[in-house]
Amino acid sequence: MKHRKRKLTAAERQSRRERKKKFMTIFINGKQKWVPRPPLVDGLPIEEFIARNADPIWSHENGIWEFMTPDDET
């Protein structure tokens, strides 16, 4: 007969939920690795959030020129 899988305690379930929020599993060379999840702002990666919401003056002050688009000089 097989043994039944034991149920997790409330503390174990809570720690598992927190661990899943902090880390994600990726495959490197056919092996699973846990890596920290990238930080998100309103569900978007930080770079994408900045690209959508930053004005040109803020981008210039903080040295993020790759997100700035040149204005048409016509």
PDB file of N, CA and C in Angstrom:
ATOM      1  N   MET A   1       0.828  -1.188   0.000  1.00  0.00           N
ATOM      2  CA  MET A   1       0.000   0.000   0.000  1.00  0.00           C
ATOM      3  C   MET A   1       0.869   1.247   0.000  1.00  0.00           C
ATOM      4  N   LYS A   2       0.368   2.259  -0.678  1.00  0.00           N
ATOM      5  CA  LYS A   2       1.069   3.533  -0.710  1.00  0.00           C
ATOM      6  C   LYS A   2       0.684   4.371   0.495  1.00  0.00           C
ATOM      7  N   HIS A   3       1.636   5.164   0.907  1.00  0.00           N
ATOM      8  CA  HIS A   3       1.349   6.087   1.997  1.00  0.00           C
ATOM      9  C   HIS A   3       0.680   7.324   1.429  1.00  0.00           C
ATOM     10  N   ARG A   4      -0.277   7.852   2.152  1.00  0.00           N
ATOM     11  CA  ARG A   4      -0.936   9.067   1.705  1.00  0.00           C
ATOM     12  C   ARG A   4      -0.045  10.277   1.976  1.00  0.00           C
ATOM     13  N   LYS A   5      -0.169  11.244   1.107  1.00  0.00           N
ATOM     14  CA  LYS A   5       0.600  12.467   1.263  1.00  0.00           C
ATOM     15  C   LYS A   5       0.059  13.248   2.451  1.00  0.00           C
ATOM     16  N   ARG A   6       0.940  13.721   3.297  1.00  0.00           N
ATOM     17  CA  ARG A   6       0.491  14.421   4.489  1.00  0.00           C
ATOM     18  C   ARG A   6       0.063  15.836   4.136  1.00  0.00           C
ATOM     19  N   LYS A   7      -0.943  16.330   4.830  1.00  0.00           N
ATOM     20  CA  LYS A   7      -1.425  17.685   4.601  1.00  0.00           C
ATOM     21  C   LYS A   7      -0.462  18.685   5.227  1.00  0.00           C
ATOM     22  N   LEU A   8      -0.339  19.841   4.569  1.00  0.00           N
ATOM     23  CA  LEU A   8       0.523  20.884   5.094  1.00  0.00           C
ATOM     24  C   LEU A   8      -0.180  21.618   6.220  1.00  0.00           C
ATOM     25  N   THR A   9       0.609  22.087   7.168  1.00  0.00           N
ATOM     26  CA  THR A   9       0.039  22.888   8.244  1.00  0.00           C
ATOM     27  C   THR A   9      -0.210  24.299   7.724  1.00  0.00           C
ATOM     28  N   ALA A  10      -0.920  25.096   8.488  1.00  0.00           N
ATOM     29  CA  ALA A  10      -1.228  26.473   8.073  1.00  0.00           C
ATOM     30  C   ALA A  10       0.053  27.284   7.893  1.00  0.00           C
ATOM     31  N   ALA A  11       1.023  27.096   8.785  1.00  0.00           N
ATOM     32  CA  ALA A  11       2.289  27.826   8.677  1.00  0.00           C
ATOM     33  C   ALA A  11       3.064  27.408   7.422  1.00  0.00           C
ATOM     34  N   GLU A  12       3.040  26.126   7.091  1.00  0.00           N
ATOM     35  CA  GLU A  12       3.725  25.652   5.888  1.00  0.00           C
ATOM     36  C   GLU A  12       3.070  26.191   4.627  1.00  0.00           C
ATOM     37  N   ARG A  13       1.735  26.219   4.615  1.00  0.00           N
ATOM     38  CA  ARG A  13       1.032  26.792   3.458  1.00  0.00           C
ATOM     39  C   ARG A  13       1.352  28.272   3.300  1.00  0.00           C
ATOM     40  N   GLN A  14       1.384  29.004   4.410  1.00  0.00           N
ATOM     41  CA  GLN A  14       1.681  30.433   4.373  1.00  0.00           C
ATOM     42  C   GLN A  14       3.100  30.674   3.857  1.00  0.00           C
ATOM     43  N   SER A  15       4.060  29.910   4.353  1.00  0.00           N
ATOM     44  CA  SER A  15       5.438  30.090   3.889  1.00  0.00           C
ATOM     45  C   SER A  15       5.573  29.726   2.416  1.00  0.00           C
ATOM     46  N   ARG A  16       4.819  28.734   1.967  1.00  0.00           N
ATOM     47  CA  ARG A  16       4.853  28.351   0.551  1.00  0.00           C
ATOM     48  C   ARG A  16       4.302  29.471  -0.330  1.00  0.00           C
ATOM     49  N   ARG A  17       3.192  30.087   0.105  1.00  0.00           N
ATOM     50  CA  ARG A  17       2.618  31.206  -0.648  1.00  0.00           C
ATOM     51  C   ARG A  17       3.604  32.375  -0.741  1.00  0.00           C
ATOM     52  N   GLU A  18       4.253  32.695   0.369  1.00  0.00           N
ATOM     53  CA  GLU A  18       5.225  33.792   0.368  1.00  0.00           C
ATOM     54  C   GLU A  18       6.418  33.476  -0.526  1.00  0.00           C
ATOM     55  N   ARG A  19       6.889  32.230  -0.494  1.00  0.00           N
ATOM     56  CA  ARG A  19       8.011  31.828  -1.334  1.00  0.00           C
ATOM     57  C   ARG A  19       7.652  31.924  -2.808  1.00  0.00           C
ATOM     58  N   LYS A  20       6.412  31.543  -3.170  1.00  0.00           N
ATOM     59  CA  LYS A  20       5.985  31.621  -4.572  1.00  0.00           C
ATOM     60  C   LYS A  20       5.881  33.066  -5.047  1.00  0.00           C
ATOM     61  N   LYS A  21       5.553  33.993  -4.124  1.00  0.00           N
ATOM     62  CA  LYS A  21       5.486  35.405  -4.488  1.00  0.00           C
ATOM     63  C   LYS A  21       6.876  35.991  -4.726  1.00  0.00           C
ATOM     64  N   LYS A  22       7.874  35.523  -3.959  1.00  0.00           N
ATOM     65  CA  LYS A  22       9.213  36.087  -4.033  1.00  0.00           C
ATOM     66  C   LYS A  22      10.081  35.478  -5.131  1.00  0.00           C
ATOM     67  N   PHE A  23       9.887  34.198  -5.438  1.00  0.00           N
ATOM     68  CA  PHE A  23      10.762  33.504  -6.375  1.00  0.00           C
ATOM     69  C   PHE A  23       9.963  32.870  -7.507  1.00  0.00           C
ATOM     70  N   MET A  24      10.641  32.636  -8.628  1.00  0.00           N
ATOM     71  CA  MET A  24      10.043  31.896  -9.728  1.00  0.00           C
ATOM     72  C   MET A  24      11.037  30.835 -10.180  1.00  0.00           C
ATOM     73  N   THR A  25      10.532  29.795 -10.817  1.00  0.00           N
ATOM     74  CA  THR A  25      11.356  28.685 -11.259  1.00  0.00           C
ATOM     75  C   THR A  25      11.656  28.844 -12.742  1.00  0.00           C
ATOM     76  N   ILE A  26      12.944  28.751 -13.090  1.00  0.00           N
ATOM     77  CA  ILE A  26      13.346  28.775 -14.491  1.00  0.00           C
ATOM     78  C   ILE A  26      14.227  27.551 -14.738  1.00  0.00           C
ATOM     79  N   PHE A  27      14.436  27.223 -15.996  1.00  0.00           N
ATOM     80  CA  PHE A  27      15.288  26.103 -16.357  1.00  0.00           C
ATOM     81  C   PHE A  27      16.604  26.621 -16.925  1.00  0.00           C
ATOM     82  N   ILE A  28      17.715  26.151 -16.371  1.00  0.00           N
ATOM     83  CA  ILE A  28      19.045  26.484 -16.868  1.00  0.00           C
ATOM     84  C   ILE A  28      19.779  25.175 -17.089  1.00  0.00           C
ATOM     85  N   ASN A  29      20.170  24.928 -18.318  1.00  0.00           N
ATOM     86  CA  ASN A  29      20.856  23.681 -18.689  1.00  0.00           C
ATOM     87  C   ASN A  29      20.071  22.446 -18.273  1.00  0.00           C
ATOM     88  N   GLY A  30      18.759  22.498 -18.410  1.00  0.00           N
ATOM     89  CA  GLY A  30      17.918  21.367 -18.101  1.00  0.00           C
ATOM     90  C   GLY A  30      17.657  21.153 -16.621  1.00  0.00           C
ATOM     91  N   LYS A  31      18.064  22.096 -15.784  1.00  0.00           N
ATOM     92  CA  LYS A  31      17.831  21.974 -14.349  1.00  0.00           C
ATOM     93  C   LYS A  31      16.974  23.129 -13.876  1.00  0.00           C
ATOM     94  N   GLN A  32      16.138  22.851 -12.887  1.00  0.00           N
ATOM     95  CA  GLN A  32      15.300  23.902 -12.334  1.00  0.00           C
ATOM     96  C   GLN A  32      16.111  24.746 -11.360  1.00  0.00           C
ATOM     97  N   LYS A  33      15.951  26.071 -11.478  1.00  0.00           N
ATOM     98  CA  LYS A  33      16.607  26.994 -10.562  1.00  0.00           C
ATOM     99  C   LYS A  33      15.573  27.986 -10.057  1.00  0.00           C
ATOM    100  N   TRP A  34      15.693  28.380  -8.798  1.00  0.00           N
ATOM    101  CA  TRP A  34      14.831  29.410  -8.244  1.00  0.00           C
ATOM    102  C   TRP A  34      15.557  30.735  -8.338  1.00  0.00           C
ATOM    103  N   VAL A  35      14.907  31.702  -8.927  1.00  0.00           N
ATOM    104  CA  VAL A  35      15.475  33.042  -9.030  1.00  0.00           C
ATOM    105  C   VAL A  35      14.457  34.031  -8.478  1.00  0.00           C
ATOM    106  N   PRO A  36      14.913  35.149  -7.932  1.00  0.00           N
ATOM    107  CA  PRO A  36      13.964  36.144  -7.435  1.00  0.00           C
ATOM    108  C   PRO A  36      13.131  36.706  -8.583  1.00  0.00           C
ATOM    109  N   ARG A  37      11.877  36.956  -8.323  1.00  0.00           N
ATOM    110  CA  ARG A  37      11.016  37.557  -9.332  1.00  0.00           C
ATOM    111  C   ARG A  37      11.436  38.996  -9.577  1.00  0.00           C
ATOM    112  N   PRO A  38      11.308  39.477 -10.806  1.00  0.00           N
ATOM    113  CA  PRO A  38      11.643  40.877 -11.054  1.00  0.00           C
ATOM    114  C   PRO A  38      10.620  41.784 -10.371  1.00  0.00           C
ATOM    115  N   PRO A  39      11.056  42.930  -9.872  1.00  0.00           N
ATOM    116  CA  PRO A  39      10.119  43.829  -9.208  1.00  0.00           C
ATOM    117  C   PRO A  39       9.105  44.397 -10.198  1.00  0.00           C
ATOM    118  N   LEU A  40       7.868  44.572  -9.752  1.00  0.00           N
ATOM    119  CA  LEU A  40       6.795  45.088 -10.593  1.00  0.00           C
ATOM    120  C   LEU A  40       6.192  46.337  -9.977  1.00  0.00           C
ATOM    121  N   VAL A  41       5.726  47.249 -10.826  1.00  0.00           N
ATOM    122  CA  VAL A  41       4.992  48.429 -10.397  1.00  0.00           C
ATOM    123  C   VAL A  41       3.666  48.400 -11.143  1.00  0.00           C
ATOM    124  N   ASP A  42       2.578  48.293 -10.443  1.00  0.00           N
ATOM    125  CA  ASP A  42       1.243  48.190 -11.039  1.00  0.00           C
ATOM    126  C   ASP A  42       1.158  47.052 -12.049  1.00  0.00           C
ATOM    127  N   GLY A  43       1.854  45.965 -11.803  1.00  0.00           N
ATOM    128  CA  GLY A  43       1.804  44.799 -12.668  1.00  0.00           C
ATOM    129  C   GLY A  43       2.704  44.879 -13.888  1.00  0.00           C
ATOM    130  N   LEU A  44       3.512  45.937 -14.012  1.00  0.00           N
ATOM    131  CA  LEU A  44       4.429  46.101 -15.138  1.00  0.00           C
ATOM    132  C   LEU A  44       5.863  46.063 -14.636  1.00  0.00           C
ATOM    133  N   PRO A  45       6.790  45.570 -15.463  1.00  0.00           N
ATOM    134  CA  PRO A  45       8.202  45.688 -15.078  1.00  0.00           C
ATOM    135  C   PRO A  45       8.583  47.163 -14.935  1.00  0.00           C
ATOM    136  N   ILE A  46       9.582  47.445 -14.118  1.00  0.00           N
ATOM    137  CA  ILE A  46       9.935  48.828 -13.806  1.00  0.00           C
ATOM    138  C   ILE A  46      10.292  49.615 -15.069  1.00  0.00           C
ATOM    139  N   GLU A  47      11.063  49.015 -15.982  1.00  0.00           N
ATOM    140  CA  GLU A  47      11.478  49.731 -17.193  1.00  0.00           C
ATOM    141  C   GLU A  47      10.270  50.133 -18.046  1.00  0.00           C
ATOM    142  N   GLU A  48       9.312  49.218 -18.196  1.00  0.00           N
ATOM    143  CA  GLU A  48       8.130  49.511 -19.000  1.00  0.00           C
ATOM    144  C   GLU A  48       7.264  50.576 -18.327  1.00  0.00           C
ATOM    145  N   PHE A  49       7.142  50.520 -17.007  1.00  0.00           N
ATOM    146  CA  PHE A  49       6.366  51.526 -16.276  1.00  0.00           C
ATOM    147  C   PHE A  49       6.975  52.903 -16.461  1.00  0.00           C
ATOM    148  N   ILE A  50       8.296  52.993 -16.366  1.00  0.00           N
ATOM    149  CA  ILE A  50       8.972  54.280 -16.556  1.00  0.00           C
ATOM    150  C   ILE A  50       8.795  54.771 -17.981  1.00  0.00           C
ATOM    151  N   ALA A  51       8.933  53.863 -18.960  1.00  0.00           N
ATOM    152  CA  ALA A  51       8.801  54.261 -20.359  1.00  0.00           C
ATOM    153  C   ALA A  51       7.402  54.800 -20.654  1.00  0.00           C
ATOM    154  N   ARG A  52       6.375  54.252 -20.016  1.00  0.00           N
ATOM    155  CA  ARG A  52       5.008  54.704 -20.268  1.00  0.00           C
ATOM    156  C   ARG A  52       4.664  55.997 -19.538  1.00  0.00           C
ATOM    157  N   ASN A  53       5.208  56.184 -18.324  1.00  0.00           N
ATOM    158  CA  ASN A  53       4.717  57.250 -17.464  1.00  0.00           C
ATOM    159  C   ASN A  53       5.664  58.429 -17.243  1.00  0.00           C
ATOM    160  N   ALA A  54       6.927  58.297 -17.571  1.00  0.00           N
ATOM    161  CA  ALA A  54       7.873  59.372 -17.286  1.00  0.00           C
ATOM    162  C   ALA A  54       7.787  60.469 -18.335  1.00  0.00           C
ATOM    163  N   ASP A  55       7.876  61.722 -17.874  1.00  0.00           N
ATOM    164  CA  ASP A  55       7.911  62.835 -18.815  1.00  0.00           C
ATOM    165  C   ASP A  55       9.366  63.087 -19.213  1.00  0.00           C
ATOM    166  N   PRO A  56       9.597  63.806 -20.311  1.00  0.00           N
ATOM    167  CA  PRO A  56      10.970  64.001 -20.805  1.00  0.00           C
ATOM    168  C   PRO A  56      11.886  64.700 -19.803  1.00  0.00           C
ATOM    169  N   ILE A  57      11.360  65.623 -19.007  1.00  0.00           N
ATOM    170  CA  ILE A  57      12.204  66.336 -18.043  1.00  0.00           C
ATOM    171  C   ILE A  57      12.710  65.373 -16.977  1.00  0.00           C
ATOM    172  N   TRP A  58      11.833  64.525 -16.439  1.00  0.00           N
ATOM    173  CA  TRP A  58      12.242  63.555 -15.422  1.00  0.00           C
ATOM    174  C   TRP A  58      13.258  62.585 -16.000  1.00  0.00           C
ATOM    175  N   SER A  59      13.020  62.127 -17.237  1.00  0.00           N
ATOM    176  CA  SER A  59      13.951  61.187 -17.870  1.00  0.00           C
ATOM    177  C   SER A  59      15.330  61.819 -18.029  1.00  0.00           C
ATOM    178  N   HIS A  60      15.371  63.100 -18.416  1.00  0.00           N
ATOM    179  CA  HIS A  60      16.642  63.795 -18.596  1.00  0.00           C
ATOM    180  C   HIS A  60      17.356  63.977 -17.253  1.00  0.00           C
ATOM    181  N   GLU A  61      16.609  64.350 -16.220  1.00  0.00           N
ATOM    182  CA  GLU A  61      17.208  64.562 -14.896  1.00  0.00           C
ATOM    183  C   GLU A  61      17.805  63.277 -14.326  1.00  0.00           C
ATOM    184  N   ASN A  62      17.213  62.134 -14.653  1.00  0.00           N
ATOM    185  CA  ASN A  62      17.674  60.860 -14.118  1.00  0.00           C
ATOM    186  C   ASN A  62      18.557  60.080 -15.089  1.00  0.00           C
ATOM    187  N   GLY A  63      18.889  60.681 -16.228  1.00  0.00           N
ATOM    188  CA  GLY A  63      19.822  60.055 -17.158  1.00  0.00           C
ATOM    189  C   GLY A  63      19.255  58.868 -17.906  1.00  0.00           C
ATOM    190  N   ILE A  64      17.951  58.846 -18.154  1.00  0.00           N
ATOM    191  CA  ILE A  64      17.330  57.735 -18.874  1.00  0.00           C
ATOM    192  C   ILE A  64      16.951  58.243 -20.266  1.00  0.00           C
ATOM    193  N   TRP A  65      17.974  58.466 -21.090  1.00  0.00           N
ATOM    194  CA  TRP A  65      17.736  59.062 -22.401  1.00  0.00           C
ATOM    195  C   TRP A  65      17.194  58.064 -23.413  1.00  0.00           C
ATOM    196  N   GLU A  66      17.356  56.757 -23.172  1.00  0.00           N
ATOM    197  CA  GLU A  66      16.876  55.785 -24.165  1.00  0.00           C
ATOM    198  C   GLU A  66      15.357  55.745 -24.250  1.00  0.00           C
ATOM    199  N   PHE A  67      14.657  56.221 -23.204  1.00  0.00           N
ATOM    200  CA  PHE A  67      13.194  56.238 -23.243  1.00  0.00           C
ATOM    201  C   PHE A  67      12.642  57.521 -23.845  1.00  0.00           C
ATOM    202  N   MET A  68      13.496  58.499 -24.071  1.00  0.00           N
ATOM    203  CA  MET A  68      13.035  59.778 -24.620  1.00  0.00           C
ATOM    204  C   MET A  68      12.942  59.670 -26.132  1.00  0.00           C
ATOM    205  N   THR A  69      11.897  60.259 -26.705  1.00  0.00           N
ATOM    206  CA  THR A  69      11.742  60.282 -28.160  1.00  0.00           C
ATOM    207  C   THR A  69      12.031  61.691 -28.643  1.00  0.00           C
ATOM    208  N   PRO A  70      12.773  61.817 -29.740  1.00  0.00           N
ATOM    209  CA  PRO A  70      13.081  63.171 -30.241  1.00  0.00           C
ATOM    210  C   PRO A  70      11.815  63.832 -30.790  1.00  0.00           C
ATOM    211  N   ASP A  71      11.693  65.127 -30.522  1.00  0.00           N
ATOM    212  CA  ASP A  71      10.555  65.889 -31.033  1.00  0.00           C
ATOM    213  C   ASP A  71      10.805  66.274 -32.485  1.00  0.00           C
ATOM    214  N   ASP A  72       9.718  66.365 -33.250  1.00  0.00           N
ATOM    215  CA  ASP A  72       9.828  66.805 -34.646  1.00  0.00           C
ATOM    216  C   ASP A  72      10.026  68.303 -34.652  1.00  0.00           C
ATOM    217  N   GLU A  73      11.058  68.753 -35.349  1.00  0.00           N
ATOM    218  CA  GLU A  73      11.375  70.191 -35.430  1.00  0.00           C
ATOM    219  C   GLU A  73      10.852  70.752 -36.745  1.00  0.00           C
ATOM    220  N   THR A  74       9.553  70.851 -36.864  1.00  0.00           N
ATOM    221  CA  THR A  74       8.968  71.408 -38.087  1.00  0.00           C
ATOM    222  C   THR A  74       8.175  72.637 -37.784  1.00  0.00           C
TER     223      THR A  74
END
